[in-house]
Amino acid sequence: MQSTYSLLRLPEVINRVGLSRSSIYTKIAAGTFPQPVRLSSRAMAFVSTEIDDWITERIAASRSPSAAS
């Protein structure tokens, strides 16, 4: 089975999720946002499917009857 992954750099993740850089890194540290993949000593990227899943979870949580406003 062949699997294809797409990696997203931080500016694209910021654009897709609508959070600031600092908010993303705060959520990563808290364990509530997908960890980036290290590409080199200075470059990191995020797995697109993990970001998509995170967005889907946020949508589902906001639509659930128990979601607080």
PDB file of N, CA and C in Angstrom:
ATOM      1  N   MET A   1       0.839  -1.184   0.000  1.00  0.00           N
ATOM      2  CA  MET A   1       0.000   0.000   0.000  1.00  0.00           C
ATOM      3  C   MET A   1       0.883   1.246   0.000  1.00  0.00           C
ATOM      4  N   GLN A   2       0.646   2.103  -0.954  1.00  0.00           N
ATOM      5  CA  GLN A   2       1.439   3.320  -1.061  1.00  0.00           C
ATOM      6  C   GLN A   2       0.712   4.457  -0.347  1.00  0.00           C
ATOM      7  N   SER A   3       1.454   5.202   0.428  1.00  0.00           N
ATOM      8  CA  SER A   3       0.895   6.306   1.185  1.00  0.00           C
ATOM      9  C   SER A   3       1.572   7.601   0.737  1.00  0.00           C
ATOM     10  N   THR A   4       0.796   8.634   0.559  1.00  0.00           N
ATOM     11  CA  THR A   4       1.377   9.921   0.188  1.00  0.00           C
ATOM     12  C   THR A   4       1.075  10.931   1.282  1.00  0.00           C
ATOM     13  N   TYR A   5       2.096  11.624   1.671  1.00  0.00           N
ATOM     14  CA  TYR A   5       1.970  12.653   2.689  1.00  0.00           C
ATOM     15  C   TYR A   5       2.355  13.988   2.087  1.00  0.00           C
ATOM     16  N   SER A   6       1.737  15.005   2.598  1.00  0.00           N
ATOM     17  CA  SER A   6       2.083  16.354   2.196  1.00  0.00           C
ATOM     18  C   SER A   6       2.523  17.101   3.449  1.00  0.00           C
ATOM     19  N   LEU A   7       3.593  17.864   3.329  1.00  0.00           N
ATOM     20  CA  LEU A   7       4.093  18.632   4.456  1.00  0.00           C
ATOM     21  C   LEU A   7       3.796  20.103   4.245  1.00  0.00           C
ATOM     22  N   LEU A   8       3.359  20.744   5.319  1.00  0.00           N
ATOM     23  CA  LEU A   8       3.002  22.155   5.276  1.00  0.00           C
ATOM     24  C   LEU A   8       3.981  22.947   6.125  1.00  0.00           C
ATOM     25  N   ARG A   9       4.451  24.037   5.589  1.00  0.00           N
ATOM     26  CA  ARG A   9       5.313  24.926   6.366  1.00  0.00           C
ATOM     27  C   ARG A   9       4.429  25.820   7.225  1.00  0.00           C
ATOM     28  N   LEU A  10       5.013  26.429   8.241  1.00  0.00           N
ATOM     29  CA  LEU A  10       4.266  27.194   9.236  1.00  0.00           C
ATOM     30  C   LEU A  10       3.364  28.277   8.646  1.00  0.00           C
ATOM     31  N   PRO A  11       3.805  29.082   7.682  1.00  0.00           N
ATOM     32  CA  PRO A  11       2.893  30.111   7.154  1.00  0.00           C
ATOM     33  C   PRO A  11       1.586  29.530   6.588  1.00  0.00           C
ATOM     34  N   GLU A  12       1.674  28.369   5.949  1.00  0.00           N
ATOM     35  CA  GLU A  12       0.464  27.749   5.413  1.00  0.00           C
ATOM     36  C   GLU A  12      -0.420  27.211   6.535  1.00  0.00           C
ATOM     37  N   VAL A  13       0.193  26.664   7.578  1.00  0.00           N
ATOM     38  CA  VAL A  13      -0.578  26.182   8.729  1.00  0.00           C
ATOM     39  C   VAL A  13      -1.289  27.347   9.403  1.00  0.00           C
ATOM     40  N   ILE A  14      -0.590  28.447   9.588  1.00  0.00           N
ATOM     41  CA  ILE A  14      -1.195  29.646  10.175  1.00  0.00           C
ATOM     42  C   ILE A  14      -2.404  30.075   9.359  1.00  0.00           C
ATOM     43  N   ASN A  15      -2.261  30.072   8.049  1.00  0.00           N
ATOM     44  CA  ASN A  15      -3.351  30.466   7.161  1.00  0.00           C
ATOM     45  C   ASN A  15      -4.530  29.493   7.259  1.00  0.00           C
ATOM     46  N   ARG A  16      -4.249  28.210   7.334  1.00  0.00           N
ATOM     47  CA  ARG A  16      -5.314  27.196   7.357  1.00  0.00           C
ATOM     48  C   ARG A  16      -6.070  27.152   8.668  1.00  0.00           C
ATOM     49  N   VAL A  17      -5.378  27.305   9.795  1.00  0.00           N
ATOM     50  CA  VAL A  17      -6.053  27.151  11.088  1.00  0.00           C
ATOM     51  C   VAL A  17      -6.490  28.472  11.712  1.00  0.00           C
ATOM     52  N   GLY A  18      -5.966  29.578  11.238  1.00  0.00           N
ATOM     53  CA  GLY A  18      -6.393  30.878  11.752  1.00  0.00           C
ATOM     54  C   GLY A  18      -5.826  31.230  13.115  1.00  0.00           C
ATOM     55  N   LEU A  19      -4.724  30.602  13.491  1.00  0.00           N
ATOM     56  CA  LEU A  19      -4.066  30.910  14.756  1.00  0.00           C
ATOM     57  C   LEU A  19      -2.727  31.582  14.482  1.00  0.00           C
ATOM     58  N   SER A  20      -2.251  32.323  15.473  1.00  0.00           N
ATOM     59  CA  SER A  20      -0.939  32.953  15.336  1.00  0.00           C
ATOM     60  C   SER A  20       0.159  31.928  15.575  1.00  0.00           C
ATOM     61  N   ARG A  21       1.371  32.293  15.202  1.00  0.00           N
ATOM     62  CA  ARG A  21       2.531  31.428  15.402  1.00  0.00           C
ATOM     63  C   ARG A  21       2.671  31.067  16.875  1.00  0.00           C
ATOM     64  N   SER A  22       2.584  32.070  17.748  1.00  0.00           N
ATOM     65  CA  SER A  22       2.757  31.809  19.176  1.00  0.00           C
ATOM     66  C   SER A  22       1.641  30.925  19.725  1.00  0.00           C
ATOM     67  N   SER A  23       0.425  31.087  19.251  1.00  0.00           N
ATOM     68  CA  SER A  23      -0.680  30.235  19.698  1.00  0.00           C
ATOM     69  C   SER A  23      -0.460  28.793  19.274  1.00  0.00           C
ATOM     70  N   ILE A  24       0.033  28.593  18.066  1.00  0.00           N
ATOM     71  CA  ILE A  24       0.315  27.235  17.585  1.00  0.00           C
ATOM     72  C   ILE A  24       1.378  26.586  18.454  1.00  0.00           C
ATOM     73  N   TYR A  25       2.471  27.295  18.739  1.00  0.00           N
ATOM     74  CA  TYR A  25       3.543  26.710  19.548  1.00  0.00           C
ATOM     75  C   TYR A  25       3.113  26.494  20.995  1.00  0.00           C
ATOM     76  N   THR A  26       2.233  27.335  21.514  1.00  0.00           N
ATOM     77  CA  THR A  26       1.682  27.116  22.857  1.00  0.00           C
ATOM     78  C   THR A  26       0.850  25.843  22.886  1.00  0.00           C
ATOM     79  N   LYS A  27       0.045  25.630  21.855  1.00  0.00           N
ATOM     80  CA  LYS A  27      -0.781  24.421  21.772  1.00  0.00           C
ATOM     81  C   LYS A  27       0.077  23.172  21.558  1.00  0.00           C
ATOM     82  N   ILE A  28       1.157  23.285  20.801  1.00  0.00           N
ATOM     83  CA  ILE A  28       2.074  22.152  20.632  1.00  0.00           C
ATOM     84  C   ILE A  28       2.659  21.774  21.990  1.00  0.00           C
ATOM     85  N   ALA A  29       3.109  22.757  22.750  1.00  0.00           N
ATOM     86  CA  ALA A  29       3.700  22.500  24.072  1.00  0.00           C
ATOM     87  C   ALA A  29       2.681  21.878  25.025  1.00  0.00           C
ATOM     88  N   ALA A  30       1.407  22.253  24.860  1.00  0.00           N
ATOM     89  CA  ALA A  30       0.345  21.711  25.718  1.00  0.00           C
ATOM     90  C   ALA A  30      -0.139  20.346  25.246  1.00  0.00           C
ATOM     91  N   GLY A  31       0.316  19.933  24.066  1.00  0.00           N
ATOM     92  CA  GLY A  31      -0.098  18.640  23.529  1.00  0.00           C
ATOM     93  C   GLY A  31      -1.459  18.661  22.860  1.00  0.00           C
ATOM     94  N   THR A  32      -1.928  19.844  22.482  1.00  0.00           N
ATOM     95  CA  THR A  32      -3.246  19.966  21.861  1.00  0.00           C
ATOM     96  C   THR A  32      -3.190  20.347  20.385  1.00  0.00           C
ATOM     97  N   PHE A  33      -2.017  20.269  19.805  1.00  0.00           N
ATOM     98  CA  PHE A  33      -1.834  20.572  18.380  1.00  0.00           C
ATOM     99  C   PHE A  33      -0.793  19.595  17.841  1.00  0.00           C
ATOM    100  N   PRO A  34      -0.910  19.178  16.589  1.00  0.00           N
ATOM    101  CA  PRO A  34       0.054  18.217  16.027  1.00  0.00           C
ATOM    102  C   PRO A  34       1.498  18.712  16.093  1.00  0.00           C
ATOM    103  N   GLN A  35       2.382  17.799  16.425  1.00  0.00           N
ATOM    104  CA  GLN A  35       3.819  18.089  16.463  1.00  0.00           C
ATOM    105  C   GLN A  35       4.355  18.253  15.043  1.00  0.00           C
ATOM    106  N   PRO A  36       5.254  19.190  14.828  1.00  0.00           N
ATOM    107  CA  PRO A  36       5.883  19.304  13.515  1.00  0.00           C
ATOM    108  C   PRO A  36       6.924  18.209  13.299  1.00  0.00           C
ATOM    109  N   VAL A  37       7.281  18.014  12.045  1.00  0.00           N
ATOM    110  CA  VAL A  37       8.310  17.055  11.642  1.00  0.00           C
ATOM    111  C   VAL A  37       9.576  17.850  11.351  1.00  0.00           C
ATOM    112  N   ARG A  38      10.692  17.438  11.901  1.00  0.00           N
ATOM    113  CA  ARG A  38      11.950  18.138  11.639  1.00  0.00           C
ATOM    114  C   ARG A  38      12.475  17.716  10.277  1.00  0.00           C
ATOM    115  N   LEU A  39      12.721  18.692   9.411  1.00  0.00           N
ATOM    116  CA  LEU A  39      13.238  18.433   8.070  1.00  0.00           C
ATOM    117  C   LEU A  39      14.756  18.577   8.012  1.00  0.00           C
ATOM    118  N   SER A  40      15.251  19.491   8.812  1.00  0.00           N
ATOM    119  CA  SER A  40      16.694  19.710   8.918  1.00  0.00           C
ATOM    120  C   SER A  40      16.948  20.345  10.278  1.00  0.00           C
ATOM    121  N   SER A  41      18.157  20.785  10.508  1.00  0.00           N
ATOM    122  CA  SER A  41      18.460  21.376  11.813  1.00  0.00           C
ATOM    123  C   SER A  41      17.673  22.663  12.073  1.00  0.00           C
ATOM    124  N   ARG A  42      17.226  23.327  11.008  1.00  0.00           N
ATOM    125  CA  ARG A  42      16.506  24.586  11.185  1.00  0.00           C
ATOM    126  C   ARG A  42      15.107  24.601  10.581  1.00  0.00           C
ATOM    127  N   ALA A  43      14.733  23.571   9.857  1.00  0.00           N
ATOM    128  CA  ALA A  43      13.442  23.575   9.160  1.00  0.00           C
ATOM    129  C   ALA A  43      12.495  22.526   9.724  1.00  0.00           C
ATOM    130  N   MET A  44      11.243  22.935   9.875  1.00  0.00           N
ATOM    131  CA  MET A  44      10.201  22.026  10.338  1.00  0.00           C
ATOM    132  C   MET A  44       8.976  22.201   9.456  1.00  0.00           C
ATOM    133  N   ALA A  45       8.134  21.178   9.441  1.00  0.00           N
ATOM    134  CA  ALA A  45       6.889  21.233   8.681  1.00  0.00           C
ATOM    135  C   ALA A  45       5.867  20.370   9.405  1.00  0.00           C
ATOM    136  N   PHE A  46       4.617  20.539   9.031  1.00  0.00           N
ATOM    137  CA  PHE A  46       3.520  19.807   9.650  1.00  0.00           C
ATOM    138  C   PHE A  46       2.922  18.857   8.623  1.00  0.00           C
ATOM    139  N   VAL A  47       2.485  17.680   9.087  1.00  0.00           N
ATOM    140  CA  VAL A  47       1.844  16.703   8.205  1.00  0.00           C
ATOM    141  C   VAL A  47       0.429  17.193   7.914  1.00  0.00           C
ATOM    142  N   SER A  48       0.102  17.344   6.639  1.00  0.00           N
ATOM    143  CA  SER A  48      -1.180  17.936   6.251  1.00  0.00           C
ATOM    144  C   SER A  48      -2.380  17.161   6.795  1.00  0.00           C
ATOM    145  N   THR A  49      -2.302  15.832   6.799  1.00  0.00           N
ATOM    146  CA  THR A  49      -3.441  15.051   7.294  1.00  0.00           C
ATOM    147  C   THR A  49      -3.647  15.261   8.793  1.00  0.00           C
ATOM    148  N   GLU A  50      -2.580  15.466   9.536  1.00  0.00           N
ATOM    149  CA  GLU A  50      -2.714  15.743  10.967  1.00  0.00           C
ATOM    150  C   GLU A  50      -3.354  17.104  11.198  1.00  0.00           C
ATOM    151  N   ILE A  51      -3.014  18.080  10.377  1.00  0.00           N
ATOM    152  CA  ILE A  51      -3.632  19.403  10.477  1.00  0.00           C
ATOM    153  C   ILE A  51      -5.110  19.309  10.093  1.00  0.00           C
ATOM    154  N   ASP A  52      -5.416  18.577   9.018  1.00  0.00           N
ATOM    155  CA  ASP A  52      -6.809  18.381   8.607  1.00  0.00           C
ATOM    156  C   ASP A  52      -7.625  17.721   9.719  1.00  0.00           C
ATOM    157  N   ASP A  53      -7.041  16.701  10.350  1.00  0.00           N
ATOM    158  CA  ASP A  53      -7.730  16.017  11.450  1.00  0.00           C
ATOM    159  C   ASP A  53      -7.976  16.962  12.621  1.00  0.00           C
ATOM    160  N   TRP A  54      -6.990  17.800  12.936  1.00  0.00           N
ATOM    161  CA  TRP A  54      -7.135  18.758  14.025  1.00  0.00           C
ATOM    162  C   TRP A  54      -8.268  19.729  13.719  1.00  0.00           C
ATOM    163  N   ILE A  55      -8.332  20.226  12.488  1.00  0.00           N
ATOM    164  CA  ILE A  55      -9.405  21.142  12.082  1.00  0.00           C
ATOM    165  C   ILE A  55     -10.762  20.442  12.201  1.00  0.00           C
ATOM    166  N   THR A  56     -10.850  19.204  11.732  1.00  0.00           N
ATOM    167  CA  THR A  56     -12.094  18.434  11.811  1.00  0.00           C
ATOM    168  C   THR A  56     -12.528  18.254  13.260  1.00  0.00           C
ATOM    169  N   GLU A  57     -11.591  17.972  14.149  1.00  0.00           N
ATOM    170  CA  GLU A  57     -11.903  17.827  15.573  1.00  0.00           C
ATOM    171  C   GLU A  57     -12.422  19.131  16.169  1.00  0.00           C
ATOM    172  N   ARG A  58     -11.832  20.247  15.778  1.00  0.00           N
ATOM    173  CA  ARG A  58     -12.279  21.546  16.295  1.00  0.00           C
ATOM    174  C   ARG A  58     -13.710  21.826  15.826  1.00  0.00           C
ATOM    175  N   ILE A  59     -14.005  21.512  14.575  1.00  0.00           N
ATOM    176  CA  ILE A  59     -15.353  21.721  14.043  1.00  0.00           C
ATOM    177  C   ILE A  59     -16.346  20.843  14.801  1.00  0.00           C
ATOM    178  N   ALA A  60     -16.015  19.570  14.963  1.00  0.00           N
ATOM    179  CA  ALA A  60     -16.908  18.647  15.672  1.00  0.00           C
ATOM    180  C   ALA A  60     -17.140  19.102  17.108  1.00  0.00           C
ATOM    181  N   ALA A  61     -16.095  19.550  17.784  1.00  0.00           N
ATOM    182  CA  ALA A  61     -16.226  20.004  19.168  1.00  0.00           C
ATOM    183  C   ALA A  61     -17.111  21.245  19.261  1.00  0.00           C
ATOM    184  N   SER A  62     -17.038  22.116  18.272  1.00  0.00           N
ATOM    185  CA  SER A  62     -17.851  23.330  18.313  1.00  0.00           C
ATOM    186  C   SER A  62     -19.314  23.056  17.975  1.00  0.00           C
ATOM    187  N   ARG A  63     -19.571  21.917  17.344  1.00  0.00           N
ATOM    188  CA  ARG A  63     -20.937  21.577  16.967  1.00  0.00           C
ATOM    189  C   ARG A  63     -21.628  20.647  17.952  1.00  0.00           C
ATOM    190  N   SER A  64     -20.861  20.117  18.913  1.00  0.00           N
ATOM    191  CA  SER A  64     -21.445  19.171  19.852  1.00  0.00           C
ATOM    192  C   SER A  64     -22.355  19.911  20.833  1.00  0.00           C
ATOM    193  N   PRO A  65     -23.423  19.256  21.308  1.00  0.00           N
ATOM    194  CA  PRO A  65     -24.350  19.896  22.243  1.00  0.00           C
ATOM    195  C   PRO A  65     -23.700  20.323  23.542  1.00  0.00           C
ATOM    196  N   SER A  66     -22.610  19.665  23.929  1.00  0.00           N
ATOM    197  CA  SER A  66     -21.952  19.998  25.193  1.00  0.00           C
ATOM    198  C   SER A  66     -20.933  21.131  25.062  1.00  0.00           C
ATOM    199  N   ALA A  67     -20.745  21.660  23.848  1.00  0.00           N
ATOM    200  CA  ALA A  67     -19.769  22.738  23.648  1.00  0.00           C
ATOM    201  C   ALA A  67     -20.259  24.006  24.341  1.00  0.00           C
ATOM    202  N   ALA A  68     -19.410  24.550  25.190  1.00  0.00           N
ATOM    203  CA  ALA A  68     -19.761  25.781  25.903  1.00  0.00           C
ATOM    204  C   ALA A  68     -19.507  26.981  25.019  1.00  0.00           C
ATOM    205  N   SER A  69     -20.350  27.959  25.119  1.00  0.00           N
ATOM    206  CA  SER A  69     -20.189  29.189  24.330  1.00  0.00           C
ATOM    207  C   SER A  69     -19.514  30.265  25.129  1.00  0.00           C
TER     208      SER A  69
END
